[in-house]
Amino acid sequence: MNAGVLLDRAEQRPMARCVWRALMAALLAPIVASQALASPAEEKRIVKVMIKWSDLRRSGNETGAAAAATEAQALIARERPDLAGPPPAPQSAVFAYVLELATKHQPGARAKLEASFTTLQANSTRSVLYAVSQALEHYRMDRGDFPASGAKALAKALMNPANPYVKLPADSVNAAGELVDGWGRPLRYAPNSEGRLVLYSFGPNGKDDGGQPDDVMSPR
């Protein structure tokens, strides 16, 4: 290899580094820009609308609560496009963002919002558990036994596109392919001390209490 070739390559290295830096800057620019454009006024508005949603929901005004939720979704999509998708982020991630904003701009409202989110997540979890428990019975009648234990095996058995036993919201399955609860945590589907398969969620505290008292149980 002659000196001219070595010189050419040496000259190319700084140029390659410049090209790489320019490429990375272009890729990171939208992220940096979205963070820089985050508006405190818009963040406060999100918190205000979510408090309105919470109050309307607690009063039983489901129509008003739905309208407030739609408004909040539009605001969040502008401030955090990554949460809006596609694909949309899990509900638990959106709730965590709103609680972060509440802590930042209106700390006194955090407890109210957290209580509303917990109620919604618990209700969502009960709906998933009910649907899955019904699907498990259908699976057992078809196959003669229940699926293997584990949240991933459960999702694979019940949500096979070729022969689905249950249809659930998109965020009911996480990136690892596991069926999850309203908090985004894998469901507990495993034998108990008696060897019987049980299905439940760890509940708000995220700890396995053996099915009680904080855990959310399957109705089956």
Protein backbone atom coordinates (compact mmCIF):
# COMPACT_ATOMS: atom_id res chain seq x y z
CA MET A 1 0.00 0.00 0.00
CA ASN A 2 1.56 3.34 -1.00
CA ALA A 3 1.73 6.56 0.98
CA GLY A 4 -0.89 8.20 -1.25
CA VAL A 5 -3.53 5.64 -0.31
CA LEU A 6 -2.72 6.01 3.40
CA LEU A 7 -2.99 9.79 3.09
CA ASP A 8 -6.33 9.51 1.31
CA ARG A 9 -7.71 7.30 4.08
CA ALA A 10 -6.34 9.58 6.79
CA GLU A 11 -8.07 12.52 5.15
CA GLN A 12 -11.31 10.55 4.87
CA ARG A 13 -11.50 9.78 8.61
CA PRO A 14 -12.21 13.36 9.75
CA MET A 15 -14.72 13.71 6.91
CA ALA A 16 -16.43 10.46 7.96
CA ARG A 17 -16.63 11.73 11.53
CA CYS A 18 -18.18 14.99 10.34
CA VAL A 19 -20.75 13.11 8.27
CA TRP A 20 -21.56 10.88 11.29
CA ARG A 21 -21.97 13.91 13.58
CA ALA A 22 -24.25 15.59 11.03
CA LEU A 23 -26.34 12.43 10.71
CA MET A 24 -26.70 12.06 14.49
CA ALA A 25 -27.61 15.75 14.83
CA ALA A 26 -30.33 15.32 12.20
CA LEU A 27 -31.71 12.27 13.98
CA LEU A 28 -31.67 13.89 17.42
CA ALA A 29 -32.99 17.28 16.30
CA PRO A 30 -36.70 16.38 16.48
CA ILE A 31 -36.26 14.97 20.00
CA VAL A 32 -34.33 18.00 21.22
CA ALA A 33 -36.81 20.34 19.54
CA SER A 34 -39.81 18.61 21.11
CA GLN A 35 -38.20 18.92 24.55
CA ALA A 36 -37.30 22.56 23.97
CA LEU A 37 -40.80 23.38 22.77
CA ALA A 38 -42.49 21.82 25.83
CA SER A 39 -44.70 24.65 27.05
CA PRO A 40 -45.33 25.08 30.80
CA ALA A 41 -48.67 26.67 29.92
CA GLU A 42 -49.68 23.62 27.87
CA GLU A 43 -48.45 21.28 30.61
CA LYS A 44 -50.59 23.15 33.15
CA ARG A 45 -53.53 22.91 30.78
CA ILE A 46 -53.12 19.13 30.56
CA VAL A 47 -53.24 18.92 34.36
CA LYS A 48 -56.29 21.19 34.47
CA VAL A 49 -58.18 19.11 31.90
CA MET A 50 -57.26 15.87 33.67
CA ILE A 51 -58.53 17.26 36.98
CA LYS A 52 -61.77 18.16 35.18
CA TRP A 53 -61.91 14.60 33.80
CA SER A 54 -61.43 13.20 37.31
CA ASP A 55 -64.18 15.40 38.81
CA LEU A 56 -66.65 14.57 36.01
CA ARG A 57 -65.92 10.87 36.31
CA ARG A 58 -66.39 10.89 40.10
CA SER A 59 -69.71 12.70 39.68
CA GLY A 60 -70.92 10.05 37.23
CA ASN A 61 -70.90 12.33 34.19
CA GLU A 62 -69.42 9.82 31.76
CA THR A 63 -70.22 11.94 28.69
CA GLY A 64 -68.42 14.96 30.09
CA ALA A 65 -65.54 12.80 31.28
CA ALA A 66 -65.16 11.27 27.81
CA ALA A 67 -65.04 14.76 26.24
CA ALA A 68 -62.40 15.87 28.75
CA ALA A 69 -60.37 12.71 28.06
CA THR A 70 -60.47 13.41 24.32
CA GLU A 71 -59.28 16.99 24.90
CA ALA A 72 -56.47 15.76 27.16
CA GLN A 73 -55.38 13.17 24.59
CA ALA A 74 -55.07 15.88 21.95
CA LEU A 75 -53.00 18.08 24.28
CA ILE A 76 -50.74 15.20 25.30
CA ALA A 77 -50.24 14.22 21.65
CA ARG A 78 -48.92 17.73 20.93
CA GLU A 79 -46.58 17.82 23.92
CA ARG A 80 -45.52 14.16 23.84
CA PRO A 81 -45.95 12.65 20.35
CA ASP A 82 -44.08 9.55 21.54
CA LEU A 83 -46.99 8.74 23.85
CA ALA A 84 -49.57 9.23 21.12
CA GLY A 85 -47.92 6.76 18.76
CA PRO A 86 -48.28 4.93 16.55
CA PRO A 87 -48.21 2.63 18.31
CA PRO A 88 -49.78 4.40 21.29
CA ALA A 89 -47.96 4.09 24.59
CA PRO A 90 -49.50 1.94 27.34
CA GLN A 91 -52.11 3.71 29.43
CA SER A 92 -49.84 3.39 32.48
CA ALA A 93 -47.13 5.45 30.70
CA VAL A 94 -49.61 8.23 29.91
CA PHE A 95 -50.83 8.28 33.52
CA ALA A 96 -47.23 8.46 34.77
CA TYR A 97 -46.63 11.48 32.51
CA VAL A 98 -49.74 13.28 33.80
CA LEU A 99 -48.73 12.59 37.42
CA GLU A 100 -45.28 13.97 36.65
CA LEU A 101 -46.88 17.17 35.34
CA ALA A 102 -49.19 17.39 38.36
CA THR A 103 -46.21 17.08 40.71
CA LYS A 104 -44.46 19.82 38.77
CA HIS A 105 -47.29 22.31 38.34
CA GLN A 106 -50.06 21.46 40.83
CA PRO A 107 -48.82 19.13 43.59
CA GLY A 108 -52.07 19.34 45.53
CA ALA A 109 -53.93 17.66 42.65
CA ARG A 110 -51.64 14.65 42.39
CA ALA A 111 -53.41 12.56 45.04
CA LYS A 112 -56.81 13.10 43.38
CA LEU A 113 -55.50 12.16 39.96
CA GLU A 114 -53.61 9.16 41.28
CA ALA A 115 -56.77 7.89 43.02
CA SER A 116 -58.77 8.27 39.79
CA PHE A 117 -56.08 6.51 37.76
CA THR A 118 -55.89 3.67 40.29
CA THR A 119 -59.65 3.16 40.13
CA LEU A 120 -59.58 3.14 36.33
CA GLN A 121 -56.61 0.77 36.24
CA ALA A 122 -58.27 -1.60 38.72
CA ASN A 123 -61.50 -1.61 36.70
CA SER A 124 -59.56 -2.18 33.48
CA THR A 125 -57.70 -5.05 35.15
CA ARG A 126 -60.95 -6.65 36.32
CA SER A 127 -62.33 -6.46 32.78
CA VAL A 128 -59.21 -8.14 31.37
CA LEU A 129 -59.25 -10.81 34.09
CA TYR A 130 -62.92 -11.55 33.44
CA ALA A 131 -62.40 -11.84 29.67
CA VAL A 132 -59.31 -14.01 30.12
CA SER A 133 -61.02 -16.28 32.66
CA GLN A 134 -63.89 -16.86 30.22
CA ALA A 135 -61.40 -17.57 27.44
CA LEU A 136 -59.58 -20.04 29.67
CA GLU A 137 -62.78 -22.04 30.14
CA HIS A 138 -63.37 -22.14 26.40
CA TYR A 139 -59.76 -23.20 25.84
CA ARG A 140 -60.09 -25.99 28.41
CA MET A 141 -63.30 -27.26 26.80
CA ASP A 142 -61.60 -27.30 23.38
CA ARG A 143 -58.22 -28.69 24.42
CA GLY A 144 -59.04 -30.71 27.54
CA ASP A 145 -56.73 -28.70 29.81
CA PHE A 146 -55.63 -25.16 30.60
CA PRO A 147 -52.62 -23.49 28.90
CA ALA A 148 -49.16 -23.73 30.43
CA SER A 149 -48.44 -21.28 33.25
CA GLY A 150 -46.92 -17.86 32.71
CA ALA A 151 -48.25 -14.57 31.32
CA LYS A 152 -46.43 -15.08 28.01
CA ALA A 153 -47.72 -18.62 27.52
CA LEU A 154 -51.19 -17.37 28.39
CA ALA A 155 -51.10 -14.65 25.72
CA LYS A 156 -49.72 -17.06 23.14
CA ALA A 157 -52.43 -19.64 23.84
CA LEU A 158 -55.42 -17.30 24.02
CA MET A 159 -54.47 -14.63 21.47
CA ASN A 160 -53.15 -16.74 18.61
CA PRO A 161 -54.24 -14.79 15.47
CA ALA A 162 -55.13 -18.06 13.75
CA ASN A 163 -57.48 -19.11 16.54
CA PRO A 164 -58.04 -16.35 19.13
CA TYR A 165 -60.01 -17.14 22.27
CA VAL A 166 -60.16 -13.53 23.44
CA LYS A 167 -59.81 -10.01 22.02
CA LEU A 168 -58.28 -7.40 24.30
CA PRO A 169 -57.03 -3.79 23.98
CA ALA A 170 -53.64 -3.46 22.27
CA ASP A 171 -51.86 -2.45 25.49
CA SER A 172 -53.00 -5.66 27.23
CA VAL A 173 -49.84 -7.32 25.87
CA ASN A 174 -46.40 -5.86 26.56
CA ALA A 175 -43.29 -5.86 24.35
CA ALA A 176 -42.24 -9.22 25.83
CA GLY A 177 -45.51 -10.80 24.68
CA GLU A 178 -46.97 -11.08 28.19
CA LEU A 179 -50.56 -10.38 29.18
CA VAL A 180 -50.50 -7.39 31.51
CA ASP A 181 -52.82 -5.62 33.93
CA GLY A 182 -53.93 -1.98 34.01
CA TRP A 183 -50.58 -0.97 35.53
CA GLY A 184 -48.66 -2.57 32.66
CA ARG A 185 -47.37 -5.45 34.83
CA PRO A 186 -47.54 -9.11 33.78
CA LEU A 187 -50.54 -11.00 35.12
CA ARG A 188 -49.87 -13.78 37.60
CA TYR A 189 -50.91 -17.09 36.05
CA ALA A 190 -49.31 -19.98 37.90
CA PRO A 191 -50.09 -22.91 40.21
CA ASN A 192 -50.95 -22.05 43.81
CA SER A 193 -49.87 -24.07 46.86
CA GLU A 194 -52.53 -26.65 46.02
CA GLY A 195 -51.29 -27.03 42.45
CA ARG A 196 -54.32 -25.28 40.95
CA LEU A 197 -53.70 -22.62 38.31
CA VAL A 198 -54.74 -19.17 39.52
CA LEU A 199 -55.01 -15.89 37.64
CA TYR A 200 -54.67 -12.46 39.25
CA SER A 201 -52.97 -9.05 39.15
CA PHE A 202 -50.50 -7.79 41.74
CA GLY A 203 -52.69 -4.69 42.06
CA PRO A 204 -51.68 -1.09 42.79
CA ASN A 205 -48.68 -1.90 44.98
CA GLY A 206 -47.13 -4.16 42.32
CA LYS A 207 -46.33 -6.88 44.88
CA ASP A 208 -47.48 -10.47 44.94
CA ASP A 209 -49.64 -10.70 48.07
CA GLY A 210 -50.75 -14.21 47.20
CA GLY A 211 -54.10 -13.03 45.90
CA GLN A 212 -54.91 -10.66 48.77
CA PRO A 213 -55.50 -8.03 50.02
CA ASP A 214 -54.12 -5.56 47.45
CA ASP A 215 -54.15 -8.00 44.52
CA VAL A 216 -56.93 -7.93 41.95
CA MET A 217 -58.34 -11.44 41.53
CA SER A 218 -59.89 -13.20 38.57
CA PRO A 219 -63.64 -13.77 39.00
CA ARG A 220 -63.16 -17.41 38.02
